[in-house]
Amino acid sequence: MTKAPRKPAGSRAATGTTDGSVQHELPFDTDPPPGPQRSEMTPPKKTRKAGPRTGVQPRKAPKKADAAPKVRQRTASRSKAAAKEPTGFGAWLWLLVIGQLLVTARMIDTLMKMANVVGTEVWKEHPILVSADLALYGAAFLLQLAVLAAMALRKAQFVPLFITAVVVYFLIGRLESVLAIAFLGMDPGRLLTRAVLVPMAAELGVGLLWSAYVLRSRRVKNTFVR
């Protein structure tokens, strides 16, 4: 039994038909062998960038630099508000200046009169009394010069110096009466007369009014700031 020869690759294959004719098959008539199917290309996976977790907020650094602008704004607002308020010598402050000049002139006149008493009969009879008066008015005059200097230079010490001067001047007037009773033998009842009480009450009232003015006045606070 002989084996049928194999068909060479690429040769035509003969097929029989119903009418007995032979039909050759072309090599491209057959379906191509199934090849590997191309898989659909899948897009590359996107990698998520590392970042802060959702729901967790990063800690904020303390804002130290924010304090400086706020302080500057407050300072600027205060300076603007101070610029709108009255300042400098004017209004009632001029009356206070004139009053201080009159007080200084009166003290100078009193000291000159007391100095003229030295060497007279009064000095020989009551040297302690004259010396005490000179010492009291001399200290008051030095205090008044300090008040004038602070007022002229617009120093912040003007207000306490002025109030101190008001108290000292009132006490000096009362000490003079005590010295007169002690050394001159003056009747103490004379201190309760109208001629003594009315000027004393007027002096006290004027001193209290001007003290309240320098303590409450916005002009005084804005003027004496050095």
C-alpha atoms as a PDB file:
ATOM      1  CA  MET A   1       0.000   0.000   0.000  1.00  0.00           C
ATOM      2  CA  THR A   2       1.581   3.120  -1.161  1.00  0.00           C
ATOM      3  CA  LYS A   3       1.180   6.457   0.630  1.00  0.00           C
ATOM      4  CA  ALA A   4      -0.153   9.439  -1.210  1.00  0.00           C
ATOM      5  CA  PRO A   5       2.415  12.083  -1.771  1.00  0.00           C
ATOM      6  CA  ARG A   6       2.117  15.192   0.402  1.00  0.00           C
ATOM      7  CA  LYS A   7       1.149  18.419  -1.229  1.00  0.00           C
ATOM      8  CA  PRO A   8       3.907  20.864  -1.264  1.00  0.00           C
ATOM      9  CA  ALA A   9       3.353  24.135   0.576  1.00  0.00           C
ATOM     10  CA  GLY A  10       2.120  26.826  -1.719  1.00  0.00           C
ATOM     11  CA  SER A  11       0.781  24.333  -4.420  1.00  0.00           C
ATOM     12  CA  ARG A  12      -2.793  24.412  -5.574  1.00  0.00           C
ATOM     13  CA  ALA A  13      -5.178  21.896  -4.069  1.00  0.00           C
ATOM     14  CA  ALA A  14      -7.678  20.106  -6.367  1.00  0.00           C
ATOM     15  CA  THR A  15     -11.226  19.585  -5.280  1.00  0.00           C
ATOM     16  CA  GLY A  16     -13.865  17.518  -6.999  1.00  0.00           C
ATOM     17  CA  THR A  17     -17.162  18.866  -8.208  1.00  0.00           C
ATOM     18  CA  THR A  18     -20.445  17.182  -9.018  1.00  0.00           C
ATOM     19  CA  ASP A  19     -19.807  17.156 -12.792  1.00  0.00           C
ATOM     20  CA  GLY A  20     -16.483  15.381 -12.413  1.00  0.00           C
ATOM     21  CA  SER A  21     -14.270  18.372 -13.108  1.00  0.00           C
ATOM     22  CA  VAL A  22     -11.505  19.155 -10.873  1.00  0.00           C
ATOM     23  CA  GLN A  23     -11.239  22.572  -9.348  1.00  0.00           C
ATOM     24  CA  HIS A  24      -8.005  23.685  -7.951  1.00  0.00           C
ATOM     25  CA  GLU A  25      -7.952  25.731  -4.779  1.00  0.00           C
ATOM     26  CA  LEU A  26      -5.787  28.742  -4.636  1.00  0.00           C
ATOM     27  CA  PRO A  27      -3.681  29.231  -1.611  1.00  0.00           C
ATOM     28  CA  PHE A  28      -5.411  32.486  -0.750  1.00  0.00           C
ATOM     29  CA  ASP A  29      -8.866  30.902  -0.972  1.00  0.00           C
ATOM     30  CA  THR A  30      -8.451  29.349   2.394  1.00  0.00           C
ATOM     31  CA  ASP A  31      -8.975  31.363   5.560  1.00  0.00           C
ATOM     32  CA  PRO A  32      -5.757  32.517   7.195  1.00  0.00           C
ATOM     33  CA  PRO A  33      -4.872  30.734  10.333  1.00  0.00           C
ATOM     34  CA  PRO A  34      -6.124  32.445  13.347  1.00  0.00           C
ATOM     35  CA  GLY A  35      -3.425  34.655  14.796  1.00  0.00           C
ATOM     36  CA  PRO A  36      -3.077  36.121  18.169  1.00  0.00           C
ATOM     37  CA  GLN A  37      -5.745  38.751  18.745  1.00  0.00           C
ATOM     38  CA  ARG A  38      -4.582  42.151  19.774  1.00  0.00           C
ATOM     39  CA  SER A  39      -5.716  43.005  23.175  1.00  0.00           C
ATOM     40  CA  GLU A  40      -7.341  46.344  23.590  1.00  0.00           C
ATOM     41  CA  MET A  41      -4.906  48.925  24.884  1.00  0.00           C
ATOM     42  CA  THR A  42      -5.745  49.975  28.369  1.00  0.00           C
ATOM     43  CA  PRO A  43      -4.812  53.476  29.391  1.00  0.00           C
ATOM     44  CA  PRO A  44      -1.967  53.693  31.872  1.00  0.00           C
ATOM     45  CA  LYS A  45      -2.985  54.028  35.432  1.00  0.00           C
ATOM     46  CA  LYS A  46      -2.570  57.470  36.796  1.00  0.00           C
ATOM     47  CA  THR A  47      -0.450  57.647  39.867  1.00  0.00           C
ATOM     48  CA  ARG A  48      -1.783  59.859  42.594  1.00  0.00           C
ATOM     49  CA  LYS A  49       0.579  62.501  43.771  1.00  0.00           C
ATOM     50  CA  ALA A  50       1.424  62.504  47.385  1.00  0.00           C
ATOM     51  CA  GLY A  51      -0.385  65.304  49.120  1.00  0.00           C
ATOM     52  CA  PRO A  52      -2.094  66.182  52.357  1.00  0.00           C
ATOM     53  CA  ARG A  53      -4.760  63.826  53.451  1.00  0.00           C
ATOM     54  CA  THR A  54      -8.295  64.887  52.936  1.00  0.00           C
ATOM     55  CA  GLY A  55      -9.934  66.098  56.094  1.00  0.00           C
ATOM     56  CA  VAL A  56      -6.612  66.895  57.782  1.00  0.00           C
ATOM     57  CA  GLN A  57      -5.628  70.543  57.575  1.00  0.00           C
ATOM     58  CA  PRO A  58      -1.965  71.453  57.919  1.00  0.00           C
ATOM     59  CA  ARG A  59      -0.990  73.379  60.979  1.00  0.00           C
ATOM     60  CA  LYS A  60      -0.681  77.066  60.409  1.00  0.00           C
ATOM     61  CA  ALA A  61       2.421  78.773  61.620  1.00  0.00           C
ATOM     62  CA  PRO A  62       1.792  81.503  64.188  1.00  0.00           C
ATOM     63  CA  LYS A  63       1.536  84.868  62.528  1.00  0.00           C
ATOM     64  CA  LYS A  64       4.023  86.887  64.512  1.00  0.00           C
ATOM     65  CA  ALA A  65       4.375  89.537  61.847  1.00  0.00           C
ATOM     66  CA  ASP A  66       0.677  90.426  61.994  1.00  0.00           C
ATOM     67  CA  ALA A  67       1.070  92.104  65.392  1.00  0.00           C
ATOM     68  CA  ALA A  68       3.315  94.878  64.053  1.00  0.00           C
ATOM     69  CA  PRO A  69       0.818  96.252  61.474  1.00  0.00           C
ATOM     70  CA  LYS A  70      -1.957  96.231  64.089  1.00  0.00           C
ATOM     71  CA  VAL A  71       0.180  98.208  66.524  1.00  0.00           C
ATOM     72  CA  ARG A  72       1.037 100.687  63.776  1.00  0.00           C
ATOM     73  CA  GLN A  73      -2.619 101.113  62.890  1.00  0.00           C
ATOM     74  CA  ARG A  74      -3.538 101.748  66.526  1.00  0.00           C
ATOM     75  CA  THR A  75      -0.712 104.265  66.898  1.00  0.00           C
ATOM     76  CA  ALA A  76      -1.754 106.034  63.705  1.00  0.00           C
ATOM     77  CA  SER A  77      -5.381 106.186  64.806  1.00  0.00           C
ATOM     78  CA  ARG A  78      -4.375 107.591  68.182  1.00  0.00           C
ATOM     79  CA  SER A  79      -2.171 110.234  66.572  1.00  0.00           C
ATOM     80  CA  LYS A  80      -5.010 111.240  64.246  1.00  0.00           C
ATOM     81  CA  ALA A  81      -7.408 111.475  67.169  1.00  0.00           C
ATOM     82  CA  ALA A  82      -4.888 113.547  69.134  1.00  0.00           C
ATOM     83  CA  ALA A  83      -4.407 115.864  66.146  1.00  0.00           C
ATOM     84  CA  LYS A  84      -8.118 116.712  66.186  1.00  0.00           C
ATOM     85  CA  GLU A  85      -8.089 117.633  69.890  1.00  0.00           C
ATOM     86  CA  PRO A  86      -7.111 121.123  71.115  1.00  0.00           C
ATOM     87  CA  THR A  87      -3.468 121.691  71.885  1.00  0.00           C
ATOM     88  CA  GLY A  88      -1.131 124.589  72.583  1.00  0.00           C
ATOM     89  CA  PHE A  89      -1.716 127.775  74.530  1.00  0.00           C
ATOM     90  CA  GLY A  90      -5.212 129.086  73.986  1.00  0.00           C
ATOM     91  CA  ALA A  91      -8.676 129.564  75.449  1.00  0.00           C
ATOM     92  CA  TRP A  92      -8.690 129.171  79.256  1.00  0.00           C
ATOM     93  CA  LEU A  93      -5.027 128.204  79.309  1.00  0.00           C
ATOM     94  CA  TRP A  94      -4.098 131.785  78.464  1.00  0.00           C
ATOM     95  CA  LEU A  95      -5.881 132.970  81.620  1.00  0.00           C
ATOM     96  CA  LEU A  96      -3.856 130.476  83.632  1.00  0.00           C
ATOM     97  CA  VAL A  97      -0.629 131.798  82.097  1.00  0.00           C
ATOM     98  CA  ILE A  98      -1.572 135.387  82.931  1.00  0.00           C
ATOM     99  CA  GLY A  99      -2.456 134.350  86.481  1.00  0.00           C
ATOM    100  CA  GLN A 100       0.916 132.682  86.982  1.00  0.00           C
ATOM    101  CA  LEU A 101       2.717 135.796  85.786  1.00  0.00           C
ATOM    102  CA  LEU A 102       0.721 137.928  88.231  1.00  0.00           C
ATOM    103  CA  VAL A 103       1.505 135.540  91.107  1.00  0.00           C
ATOM    104  CA  THR A 104       5.215 135.742  90.272  1.00  0.00           C
ATOM    105  CA  ALA A 105       5.139 139.536  90.182  1.00  0.00           C
ATOM    106  CA  ARG A 106       3.332 139.632  93.536  1.00  0.00           C
ATOM    107  CA  MET A 107       5.935 137.332  95.109  1.00  0.00           C
ATOM    108  CA  ILE A 108       8.775 139.515  93.867  1.00  0.00           C
ATOM    109  CA  ASP A 109       7.104 142.590  95.342  1.00  0.00           C
ATOM    110  CA  THR A 110       6.582 140.840  98.697  1.00  0.00           C
ATOM    111  CA  LEU A 111      10.198 139.671  98.859  1.00  0.00           C
ATOM    112  CA  MET A 112      11.464 143.183  98.109  1.00  0.00           C
ATOM    113  CA  LYS A 113       9.328 144.650 100.906  1.00  0.00           C
ATOM    114  CA  MET A 114      10.571 142.012 103.363  1.00  0.00           C
ATOM    115  CA  ALA A 115      14.150 142.677 102.347  1.00  0.00           C
ATOM    116  CA  ASN A 116      13.661 146.377 103.124  1.00  0.00           C
ATOM    117  CA  VAL A 117      12.616 145.445 106.667  1.00  0.00           C
ATOM    118  CA  VAL A 118      16.055 144.004 107.382  1.00  0.00           C
ATOM    119  CA  GLY A 119      17.998 146.433 109.583  1.00  0.00           C
ATOM    120  CA  THR A 120      14.942 148.359 110.742  1.00  0.00           C
ATOM    121  CA  GLU A 121      13.301 148.443 114.170  1.00  0.00           C
ATOM    122  CA  VAL A 122      11.021 145.548 113.242  1.00  0.00           C
ATOM    123  CA  TRP A 123      14.060 143.448 112.365  1.00  0.00           C
ATOM    124  CA  LYS A 124      15.681 144.293 115.687  1.00  0.00           C
ATOM    125  CA  GLU A 125      12.552 143.458 117.659  1.00  0.00           C
ATOM    126  CA  HIS A 126      11.444 140.348 115.733  1.00  0.00           C
ATOM    127  CA  PRO A 127      14.377 138.974 113.730  1.00  0.00           C
ATOM    128  CA  ILE A 128      13.036 135.409 113.843  1.00  0.00           C
ATOM    129  CA  LEU A 129       9.675 136.467 112.449  1.00  0.00           C
ATOM    130  CA  VAL A 130      11.209 138.420 109.566  1.00  0.00           C
ATOM    131  CA  SER A 131      13.653 135.614 108.790  1.00  0.00           C
ATOM    132  CA  ALA A 132      10.855 133.029 108.793  1.00  0.00           C
ATOM    133  CA  ASP A 133       8.788 135.129 106.400  1.00  0.00           C
ATOM    134  CA  LEU A 134      11.766 135.576 104.097  1.00  0.00           C
ATOM    135  CA  ALA A 135      12.454 131.828 104.124  1.00  0.00           C
ATOM    136  CA  LEU A 136       8.826 130.947 103.389  1.00  0.00           C
ATOM    137  CA  TYR A 137       8.417 133.382 100.533  1.00  0.00           C
ATOM    138  CA  GLY A 138      11.856 132.565  99.169  1.00  0.00           C
ATOM    139  CA  ALA A 139      10.927 128.853  98.937  1.00  0.00           C
ATOM    140  CA  ALA A 140       7.589 129.764  97.381  1.00  0.00           C
ATOM    141  CA  PHE A 141       9.346 131.969  94.818  1.00  0.00           C
ATOM    142  CA  LEU A 142      11.692 129.128  93.808  1.00  0.00           C
ATOM    143  CA  LEU A 143       8.689 126.822  93.413  1.00  0.00           C
ATOM    144  CA  GLN A 144       6.955 129.450  91.283  1.00  0.00           C
ATOM    145  CA  LEU A 145      10.011 129.689  89.022  1.00  0.00           C
ATOM    146  CA  ALA A 146       9.879 125.900  88.543  1.00  0.00           C
ATOM    147  CA  VAL A 147       6.192 126.163  87.602  1.00  0.00           C
ATOM    148  CA  LEU A 148       6.924 128.906  85.055  1.00  0.00           C
ATOM    149  CA  ALA A 149       9.813 126.927  83.539  1.00  0.00           C
ATOM    150  CA  ALA A 150       7.700 123.770  83.184  1.00  0.00           C
ATOM    151  CA  MET A 151       4.890 125.805  81.643  1.00  0.00           C
ATOM    152  CA  ALA A 152       7.162 127.572  79.148  1.00  0.00           C
ATOM    153  CA  LEU A 153       8.876 124.325  78.101  1.00  0.00           C
ATOM    154  CA  ARG A 154       5.567 122.406  78.007  1.00  0.00           C
ATOM    155  CA  LYS A 155       6.865 119.775  80.393  1.00  0.00           C
ATOM    156  CA  ALA A 156       4.617 117.019  81.688  1.00  0.00           C
ATOM    157  CA  GLN A 157       5.698 117.979  85.241  1.00  0.00           C
ATOM    158  CA  PHE A 158       3.732 121.237  84.984  1.00  0.00           C
ATOM    159  CA  VAL A 159       0.495 119.746  86.328  1.00  0.00           C
ATOM    160  CA  PRO A 160       1.946 118.220  89.553  1.00  0.00           C
ATOM    161  CA  LEU A 161       4.101 121.307  90.123  1.00  0.00           C
ATOM    162  CA  PHE A 162       1.106 123.612  89.719  1.00  0.00           C
ATOM    163  CA  ILE A 163      -1.039 121.646  92.172  1.00  0.00           C
ATOM    164  CA  THR A 164       1.846 121.548  94.661  1.00  0.00           C
ATOM    165  CA  ALA A 165       2.245 125.319  94.356  1.00  0.00           C
ATOM    166  CA  VAL A 166      -1.475 125.894  95.012  1.00  0.00           C
ATOM    167  CA  VAL A 167      -1.285 123.862  98.231  1.00  0.00           C
ATOM    168  CA  VAL A 168       1.983 125.475  99.380  1.00  0.00           C
ATOM    169  CA  TYR A 169       0.764 129.038  98.794  1.00  0.00           C
ATOM    170  CA  PHE A 170      -2.414 128.384 100.782  1.00  0.00           C
ATOM    171  CA  LEU A 171      -0.434 126.920 103.680  1.00  0.00           C
ATOM    172  CA  ILE A 172       2.013 129.840 103.688  1.00  0.00           C
ATOM    173  CA  GLY A 173      -0.861 132.251 104.239  1.00  0.00           C
ATOM    174  CA  ARG A 174      -2.015 130.233 107.242  1.00  0.00           C
ATOM    175  CA  LEU A 175       1.522 129.970 108.650  1.00  0.00           C
ATOM    176  CA  GLU A 176       1.878 133.742 108.531  1.00  0.00           C
ATOM    177  CA  SER A 177      -1.131 134.042 110.803  1.00  0.00           C
ATOM    178  CA  VAL A 178       0.315 131.484 113.219  1.00  0.00           C
ATOM    179  CA  LEU A 179       3.656 133.352 113.305  1.00  0.00           C
ATOM    180  CA  ALA A 180       1.862 136.625 113.942  1.00  0.00           C
ATOM    181  CA  ILE A 181       0.016 135.101 116.901  1.00  0.00           C
ATOM    182  CA  ALA A 182       3.214 133.534 118.273  1.00  0.00           C
ATOM    183  CA  PHE A 183       5.611 136.476 117.914  1.00  0.00           C
ATOM    184  CA  LEU A 184       3.401 139.549 117.795  1.00  0.00           C
ATOM    185  CA  GLY A 185       0.818 138.425 120.327  1.00  0.00           C
ATOM    186  CA  MET A 186      -2.072 138.868 117.898  1.00  0.00           C
ATOM    187  CA  ASP A 187      -5.508 137.844 119.163  1.00  0.00           C
ATOM    188  CA  PRO A 188      -6.488 134.437 117.612  1.00  0.00           C
ATOM    189  CA  GLY A 189     -10.061 135.656 117.347  1.00  0.00           C
ATOM    190  CA  ARG A 190      -9.003 137.988 114.558  1.00  0.00           C
ATOM    191  CA  LEU A 191      -8.481 134.929 112.331  1.00  0.00           C
ATOM    192  CA  LEU A 192     -12.211 134.258 112.448  1.00  0.00           C
ATOM    193  CA  THR A 193     -13.274 137.686 111.286  1.00  0.00           C
ATOM    194  CA  ARG A 194     -14.839 138.350 107.925  1.00  0.00           C
ATOM    195  CA  ALA A 195     -11.806 140.306 106.760  1.00  0.00           C
ATOM    196  CA  VAL A 196      -9.701 137.146 107.096  1.00  0.00           C
ATOM    197  CA  LEU A 197     -12.154 134.376 106.201  1.00  0.00           C
ATOM    198  CA  VAL A 198     -13.467 135.873 102.942  1.00  0.00           C
ATOM    199  CA  PRO A 199     -10.045 136.262 101.261  1.00  0.00           C
ATOM    200  CA  MET A 200      -9.026 132.834 102.545  1.00  0.00           C
ATOM    201  CA  ALA A 201     -12.176 131.204 101.090  1.00  0.00           C
ATOM    202  CA  ALA A 202     -11.690 133.031  97.780  1.00  0.00           C
ATOM    203  CA  GLU A 203      -8.062 131.889  97.593  1.00  0.00           C
ATOM    204  CA  LEU A 204      -9.074 128.298  98.329  1.00  0.00           C
ATOM    205  CA  GLY A 205     -11.890 128.341  95.761  1.00  0.00           C
ATOM    206  CA  VAL A 206      -9.712 129.776  92.991  1.00  0.00           C
ATOM    207  CA  GLY A 207      -7.000 127.223  93.714  1.00  0.00           C
ATOM    208  CA  LEU A 208      -9.469 124.318  93.573  1.00  0.00           C
ATOM    209  CA  LEU A 209     -11.004 125.556  90.303  1.00  0.00           C
ATOM    210  CA  TRP A 210      -7.662 125.868  88.523  1.00  0.00           C
ATOM    211  CA  SER A 211      -6.475 122.541  89.913  1.00  0.00           C
ATOM    212  CA  ALA A 212      -9.585 120.855  88.529  1.00  0.00           C
ATOM    213  CA  TYR A 213      -8.997 122.587  85.198  1.00  0.00           C
ATOM    214  CA  VAL A 214      -5.422 121.382  84.752  1.00  0.00           C
ATOM    215  CA  LEU A 215      -6.449 117.846  85.745  1.00  0.00           C
ATOM    216  CA  ARG A 216      -9.480 117.585  83.435  1.00  0.00           C
ATOM    217  CA  SER A 217      -8.601 119.786  80.462  1.00  0.00           C
ATOM    218  CA  ARG A 218      -7.801 117.983  77.201  1.00  0.00           C
ATOM    219  CA  ARG A 219      -5.830 121.004  76.018  1.00  0.00           C
ATOM    220  CA  VAL A 220      -3.571 120.809  79.071  1.00  0.00           C
ATOM    221  CA  LYS A 221      -3.014 117.070  78.551  1.00  0.00           C
ATOM    222  CA  ASN A 222      -2.146 117.556  74.876  1.00  0.00           C
ATOM    223  CA  THR A 223       0.086 120.584  75.488  1.00  0.00           C
ATOM    224  CA  PHE A 224       2.284 119.535  78.408  1.00  0.00           C
ATOM    225  CA  VAL A 225       3.620 116.223  77.085  1.00  0.00           C
ATOM    226  CA  ARG A 226       7.394 116.649  76.993  1.00  0.00           C
END
